[in-house]
């Protein structure tokens, strides 16, 4: 499933808060942000996660998370990047090799900025660097540990229903199959700014309610899954010109929210959550369910949990981690 708009989605199930202060145009008051700490950073992904406070000197200061990410190059702007008002500063030269620092003009120096505001302690923990642990969840573990934990939590997915009911983000939907049982909507994920295809990222959200995750899937859901796979690829080819053979189409387990959804990303993009302990290819899920209608209700599934996650504590208490 970028959070500047997505921050309005209460994916973490937190209770509503008072309306936070914003600039006159409704935007985040960046100039009033006081940075408190770096939650984590990634040199590979060229991102940094900051914890800050707005009106930091006052008692009413509100926490915020600001994520800064260098954006991919735009092919159509390369000529301007190299020629127009760009400063080149030599760092090192050796024979035919040289290294420079290039300082482009502001309009070509875009930094994607994602804001979670106001942020709760749960948000801060989510983005804080944590140790991770690998869990092997048997069918009994799911029944006795994971499912009761999910049912005990008040995870709000009203934002999902708002999309499905066209109360929010209706203009962002690029394809819909309206069938209530086997239909879905397809729309760009907020992590993708839609300015280039290198990091293409879309989400298919099924209309049918009550399917929490991969664990709930049986052969009964094959028509839905095949619709998502086929129609999703066709819609992306038609809209963005990217063939199905250049897409990674998969589920997350555990998912970040418990309403069935499928991720579509560019195959060359190292998207968050596409690692082997997290991602399950949709085509293979279909194959497995055709072989065994109860495949995902029987199989032991592997996934990673962060040290601060309550579900990890449940597995530890049961002697399973």
Protein backbone atom coordinates (compact mmCIF):
# COMPACT_ATOMS: atom_id res chain seq x y z
CA UNK A 1 0.00 0.00 0.00
CA UNK A 2 4.44 8.67 0.09
CA UNK A 3 2.75 9.53 3.27
CA UNK A 4 2.31 13.28 2.88
CA UNK A 5 -1.23 12.52 1.84
CA UNK A 6 -1.03 9.01 3.22
CA UNK A 7 -0.38 10.34 6.70
CA UNK A 8 -4.09 11.09 6.80
CA UNK A 9 -4.67 7.36 6.56
CA UNK A 10 -4.82 5.92 10.03
CA UNK A 11 -3.02 2.73 9.13
CA UNK A 12 -1.78 2.18 12.63
CA UNK A 13 -5.21 2.16 14.25
CA UNK A 14 -4.56 5.18 16.43
CA UNK A 15 -7.39 7.30 17.78
CA UNK A 16 -8.16 10.64 16.18
CA UNK A 17 -6.27 13.73 17.29
CA UNK A 18 -7.00 17.43 17.22
CA UNK A 19 -6.43 19.17 13.92
CA UNK A 20 -2.70 20.00 13.75
CA UNK A 21 -1.44 23.48 12.88
CA UNK A 22 -0.67 24.01 9.19
CA UNK A 23 0.42 26.85 6.96
CA UNK A 24 -2.22 29.11 5.46
CA UNK A 25 -2.36 26.98 2.31
CA UNK A 26 -2.89 23.81 4.36
CA UNK A 27 0.64 22.51 3.86
CA UNK A 28 2.98 21.20 6.54
CA UNK A 29 4.74 24.10 8.41
CA UNK A 30 8.28 22.96 7.61
CA UNK A 31 9.87 26.23 8.75
CA UNK A 32 8.52 25.61 12.27
CA UNK A 33 10.00 22.11 12.52
CA UNK A 34 12.65 21.54 15.17
CA UNK A 35 14.62 18.35 14.44
CA UNK A 36 15.05 16.18 17.55
CA UNK A 37 16.86 13.12 16.21
CA UNK A 38 17.62 10.95 13.21
CA UNK A 39 15.48 7.82 13.46
CA UNK A 40 17.43 6.02 10.74
CA UNK A 41 19.09 6.58 7.39
CA UNK A 42 20.10 4.56 4.37
CA UNK A 43 23.04 5.45 2.14
CA UNK A 44 21.91 2.81 -0.37
CA UNK A 45 18.36 4.15 -0.66
CA UNK A 46 19.47 7.76 -0.17
CA UNK A 47 16.85 8.36 2.51
CA UNK A 48 16.85 9.81 6.00
CA UNK A 49 14.06 9.57 8.61
CA UNK A 50 13.80 12.50 11.01
CA UNK A 51 11.87 12.98 14.24
CA UNK A 52 10.95 16.60 14.76
CA UNK A 53 8.46 18.78 16.58
CA UNK A 54 6.37 21.66 15.33
CA UNK A 55 6.32 24.62 17.74
CA UNK A 56 9.07 22.78 19.59
CA UNK A 57 9.54 25.48 22.24
CA UNK A 58 5.93 25.40 23.40
CA UNK A 59 4.06 22.96 25.62
CA UNK A 60 1.73 22.16 22.74
CA UNK A 61 4.53 20.90 20.49
CA UNK A 62 3.41 18.09 18.18
CA UNK A 63 5.66 15.29 16.98
CA UNK A 64 6.29 14.84 13.28
CA UNK A 65 8.21 12.40 11.13
CA UNK A 66 9.84 13.80 8.00
CA UNK A 67 11.30 11.40 5.44
CA UNK A 68 13.70 12.88 2.89
CA UNK A 69 14.47 10.84 -0.21
CA UNK A 70 16.58 11.66 -3.26
CA UNK A 71 14.44 11.11 -6.34
CA UNK A 72 15.47 9.18 -9.47
CA UNK A 73 16.74 11.09 -12.48
CA UNK A 74 14.24 12.20 -15.12
CA UNK A 75 15.54 11.41 -18.58
CA UNK A 76 13.82 14.43 -20.11
CA UNK A 77 15.62 16.82 -17.73
CA UNK A 78 19.16 15.43 -18.13
CA UNK A 79 20.09 18.02 -20.75
CA UNK A 80 19.04 20.88 -18.45
CA UNK A 81 20.78 19.21 -15.52
CA UNK A 82 24.11 19.21 -17.36
CA UNK A 83 23.92 22.57 -19.08
CA UNK A 84 21.70 25.11 -17.32
CA UNK A 85 23.13 27.00 -14.35
CA UNK A 86 24.88 23.89 -13.03
CA UNK A 87 28.09 24.22 -11.06
CA UNK A 88 30.76 21.52 -11.37
CA UNK A 89 33.46 21.34 -8.69
CA UNK A 90 36.50 19.09 -9.18
CA UNK A 91 37.21 16.69 -6.31
CA UNK A 92 39.86 14.38 -7.75
CA UNK A 93 41.64 13.77 -11.04
CA UNK A 94 43.86 10.83 -12.04
CA UNK A 95 44.77 10.20 -15.67
CA UNK A 96 41.50 9.82 -17.62
CA UNK A 97 39.37 9.57 -14.45
CA UNK A 98 38.00 12.49 -12.47
CA UNK A 99 35.38 13.00 -9.77
CA UNK A 100 33.24 16.10 -9.32
CA UNK A 101 30.51 17.47 -7.14
CA UNK A 102 27.68 18.73 -9.32
CA UNK A 103 25.41 21.45 -7.94
CA UNK A 104 22.21 21.67 -10.02
CA UNK A 105 19.71 24.55 -9.88
CA UNK A 106 16.87 24.22 -7.32
CA UNK A 107 14.24 23.15 -9.85
CA UNK A 108 16.42 20.13 -10.70
CA UNK A 109 17.32 19.29 -7.08
CA UNK A 110 14.00 17.85 -5.97
CA UNK A 111 13.92 15.88 -2.72
CA UNK A 112 10.82 13.80 -2.16
CA UNK A 113 9.52 14.66 1.31
CA UNK A 114 7.06 12.46 3.18
CA UNK A 115 5.42 13.77 6.35
CA UNK A 116 3.60 11.94 9.15
CA UNK A 117 1.99 14.66 11.25
CA UNK A 118 0.95 14.61 13.97
CA UNK A 119 2.95 11.45 14.69
CA UNK A 120 2.26 9.10 17.58
CA UNK A 121 4.78 7.08 19.58
CA UNK A 122 3.73 4.10 17.49
CA UNK A 123 4.78 5.92 14.33
CA UNK A 124 8.12 6.86 15.88
CA UNK A 125 8.82 3.26 16.83
CA UNK A 126 7.85 2.12 13.34
CA UNK A 127 10.54 4.26 11.72
CA UNK A 128 13.21 3.84 14.40
CA UNK A 129 16.00 1.44 13.53
CA UNK A 130 15.32 -1.86 15.28
CA UNK A 131 16.77 -5.35 15.49
CA UNK A 132 14.71 -7.83 13.47
CA UNK A 133 13.93 -11.48 14.15
CA UNK A 134 12.82 -14.24 11.79
CA UNK A 135 9.64 -16.10 12.74
CA UNK A 136 8.52 -19.49 11.40
CA UNK A 137 4.75 -19.47 11.82
CA UNK A 138 3.05 -22.89 11.64
CA UNK A 139 -0.68 -23.26 11.07
CA UNK A 140 -1.04 -23.84 14.82
CA UNK A 141 0.99 -20.71 15.58
CA UNK A 142 -1.31 -18.69 13.34
CA UNK A 143 -4.41 -20.09 15.03
CA UNK A 144 -3.11 -19.77 18.60
CA UNK A 145 -0.86 -16.68 18.46
CA UNK A 146 -1.17 -14.52 15.35
CA UNK A 147 -4.92 -14.60 14.72
CA UNK A 148 -5.90 -13.84 18.34
CA UNK A 149 -3.39 -11.00 18.31
CA UNK A 150 -4.87 -9.53 15.11
CA UNK A 151 -8.39 -9.84 16.51
CA UNK A 152 -7.36 -8.11 19.75
CA UNK A 153 -5.99 -5.06 17.96
CA UNK A 154 -8.02 -2.08 16.80
CA UNK A 155 -6.31 -1.60 13.44
CA UNK A 156 -8.29 1.03 11.56
CA UNK A 157 -8.69 0.41 7.84
CA UNK A 158 -11.40 3.00 7.27
CA UNK A 159 -9.08 4.67 4.76
CA UNK A 160 -9.29 1.47 2.66
CA UNK A 161 -13.09 1.55 2.70
CA UNK A 162 -12.99 5.25 1.77
CA UNK A 163 -11.08 4.33 -1.40
CA UNK A 164 -13.36 1.43 -2.26
CA UNK A 165 -16.46 3.59 -1.71
CA UNK A 166 -14.97 6.52 -3.72
CA UNK A 167 -15.04 8.79 -0.68
CA UNK A 168 -11.32 9.45 -1.08
CA UNK A 169 -8.70 9.19 -3.85
CA UNK A 170 -11.30 8.37 -6.50
CA UNK A 171 -9.38 10.46 -9.04
CA UNK A 172 -6.28 8.31 -8.51
CA UNK A 173 -7.89 4.99 -9.46
CA UNK A 174 -6.54 3.82 -12.83
CA UNK A 175 -8.60 0.63 -13.10
CA UNK A 176 -11.57 -0.94 -11.36
CA UNK A 177 -13.39 -4.22 -11.57
CA UNK A 178 -16.57 -3.41 -9.59
CA UNK A 179 -17.59 -7.01 -8.87
CA UNK A 180 -18.18 -7.18 -5.08
CA UNK A 181 -16.64 -10.66 -4.75
CA UNK A 182 -14.01 -10.85 -7.47
CA UNK A 183 -13.32 -7.18 -8.19
CA UNK A 184 -10.72 -4.67 -7.08
CA UNK A 185 -9.38 -1.16 -7.58
CA UNK A 186 -5.86 -0.38 -8.82
CA UNK A 187 -4.17 2.89 -7.92
CA UNK A 188 -0.65 4.29 -7.50
CA UNK A 189 0.95 3.82 -4.12
CA UNK A 190 1.93 7.05 -2.38
CA UNK A 191 5.55 5.91 -2.39
CA UNK A 192 5.58 6.52 -6.17
CA UNK A 193 5.49 10.10 -7.44
CA UNK A 194 4.51 8.93 -10.98
CA UNK A 195 7.24 11.07 -12.57
CA UNK A 196 9.30 8.10 -13.78
CA UNK A 197 8.78 4.39 -14.31
CA UNK A 198 11.95 3.15 -12.61
CA UNK A 199 10.21 3.02 -9.23
CA UNK A 200 6.69 2.28 -10.46
CA UNK A 201 4.50 1.16 -7.56
CA UNK A 202 0.77 0.46 -7.58
CA UNK A 203 -1.61 -1.29 -5.20
CA UNK A 204 -4.62 -3.46 -6.02
CA UNK A 205 -7.20 -3.48 -3.21
CA UNK A 206 -9.95 -6.08 -3.37
CA UNK A 207 -13.58 -5.04 -2.93
CA UNK A 208 -14.45 -8.10 -0.89
CA UNK A 209 -14.17 -7.52 2.83
CA UNK A 210 -13.08 -10.03 5.45
CA UNK A 211 -9.99 -11.40 3.67
CA UNK A 212 -7.24 -10.33 6.02
CA UNK A 213 -4.12 -11.75 4.41
CA UNK A 214 -2.47 -14.58 2.53
CA UNK A 215 -3.50 -16.93 5.36
CA UNK A 216 -7.20 -16.56 4.51
CA UNK A 217 -6.85 -17.47 0.84
CA UNK A 218 -8.33 -20.71 -0.52
CA UNK A 219 -9.26 -21.95 -3.99
CA UNK A 220 -12.53 -20.03 -3.55
CA UNK A 221 -10.54 -16.84 -4.13
CA UNK A 222 -8.88 -17.93 -7.38
CA UNK A 223 -11.23 -15.90 -9.63
CA UNK A 224 -10.38 -12.77 -7.63
CA UNK A 225 -6.64 -13.44 -7.73
CA UNK A 226 -6.66 -14.19 -11.46
CA UNK A 227 -8.60 -10.98 -12.13
CA UNK A 228 -6.05 -8.95 -10.19
CA UNK A 229 -3.14 -10.59 -12.00
CA UNK A 230 -4.52 -10.33 -15.53
CA UNK A 231 -6.44 -7.06 -15.38
CA UNK A 232 -3.74 -5.38 -13.31
CA UNK A 233 -1.07 -6.18 -15.90
CA UNK A 234 -3.32 -5.05 -18.75
CA UNK A 235 -4.17 -1.75 -17.03
CA UNK A 236 -0.53 -0.96 -16.29
CA UNK A 237 0.51 -1.78 -19.86
CA UNK A 238 -2.22 0.45 -21.26
CA UNK A 239 -1.60 3.35 -18.88
CA UNK A 240 2.18 3.27 -18.40
CA UNK A 241 3.48 1.07 -21.22
CA UNK A 242 5.13 -1.40 -18.82
CA UNK A 243 4.70 -5.07 -19.77
CA UNK A 244 3.69 -7.72 -17.26
CA UNK A 245 7.09 -9.40 -17.66
CA UNK A 246 8.65 -6.23 -16.22
CA UNK A 247 6.49 -6.22 -13.09
CA UNK A 248 6.91 -7.80 -9.67
CA UNK A 249 3.40 -8.66 -8.43
CA UNK A 250 3.18 -9.92 -4.88
CA UNK A 251 1.62 -10.06 -1.43
CA UNK A 252 3.29 -9.09 1.82
CA UNK A 253 3.15 -11.44 4.77
CA UNK A 254 2.72 -10.10 7.35
CA UNK A 255 0.89 -7.24 5.62
CA UNK A 256 0.98 -3.69 6.95
CA UNK A 257 -2.84 -3.63 7.11
CA UNK A 258 -5.34 -6.48 7.23
CA UNK A 259 -7.42 -6.09 4.09
CA UNK A 260 -6.26 -8.12 1.11
CA UNK A 261 -4.14 -6.11 -1.30
CA UNK A 262 -1.49 -6.83 -3.94
CA UNK A 263 1.66 -4.87 -4.76
CA UNK A 264 2.69 -4.08 -8.36
CA UNK A 265 6.24 -2.73 -8.68
CA UNK A 266 8.78 -2.29 -11.45
CA UNK A 267 10.92 -5.42 -11.59
CA UNK A 268 14.14 -3.41 -11.49
CA UNK A 269 13.04 -1.45 -8.42
CA UNK A 270 14.26 -2.71 -5.05
CA UNK A 271 10.96 -1.85 -3.39
CA UNK A 272 10.46 -1.96 0.38
CA UNK A 273 9.22 -5.38 1.44
CA UNK A 274 10.21 -7.30 -1.71
CA UNK A 275 12.71 -9.52 0.14
CA UNK A 276 12.27 -13.29 0.30
CA UNK A 277 11.00 -13.31 3.90
CA UNK A 278 8.26 -10.81 3.10
CA UNK A 279 7.05 -11.15 -0.50
CA UNK A 280 4.93 -13.91 -2.08
CA UNK A 281 4.48 -13.71 -5.86
CA UNK A 282 0.83 -13.62 -6.90
CA UNK A 283 1.35 -16.05 -9.80
CA UNK A 284 2.90 -18.59 -7.43
CA UNK A 285 0.11 -18.10 -4.90
CA UNK A 286 -2.38 -18.95 -7.66
CA UNK A 287 -0.38 -22.05 -8.63
CA UNK A 288 -0.18 -23.22 -5.01
CA UNK A 289 -3.92 -22.83 -4.46
CA UNK A 290 -4.65 -24.77 -7.65
CA UNK A 291 -2.47 -27.60 -6.31
CA UNK A 292 -3.97 -27.49 -2.82
CA UNK A 293 -7.09 -25.41 -2.03
CA UNK A 294 -5.96 -25.07 1.63
CA UNK A 295 -2.28 -24.47 0.88
CA UNK A 296 -1.87 -21.22 2.85
CA UNK A 297 -3.90 -22.46 5.78
CA UNK A 298 -1.57 -25.45 6.15
CA UNK A 299 1.83 -24.08 5.23
CA UNK A 300 4.46 -22.77 7.65
CA UNK A 301 5.15 -19.15 6.69
CA UNK A 302 8.31 -17.19 7.45
CA UNK A 303 8.39 -13.48 8.19
CA UNK A 304 10.46 -10.93 10.08
CA UNK A 305 9.36 -8.94 13.13
CA UNK A 306 11.01 -5.90 14.66
CA UNK A 307 12.18 -6.01 18.26
CA UNK A 308 9.50 -3.57 19.41
CA UNK A 309 6.54 -5.34 17.81
CA UNK A 310 3.95 -6.73 20.18
CA UNK A 311 3.45 -9.83 18.03
CA UNK A 312 7.10 -10.78 18.55
CA UNK A 313 6.53 -10.68 22.30
CA UNK A 314 3.58 -13.05 21.88
CA UNK A 315 5.78 -15.53 20.00
CA UNK A 316 8.52 -15.16 22.62
CA UNK A 317 6.06 -15.80 25.45
CA UNK A 318 4.95 -18.96 23.64
CA UNK A 319 8.57 -20.09 23.30
CA UNK A 320 8.42 -19.74 19.52
CA UNK A 321 11.04 -17.00 19.05
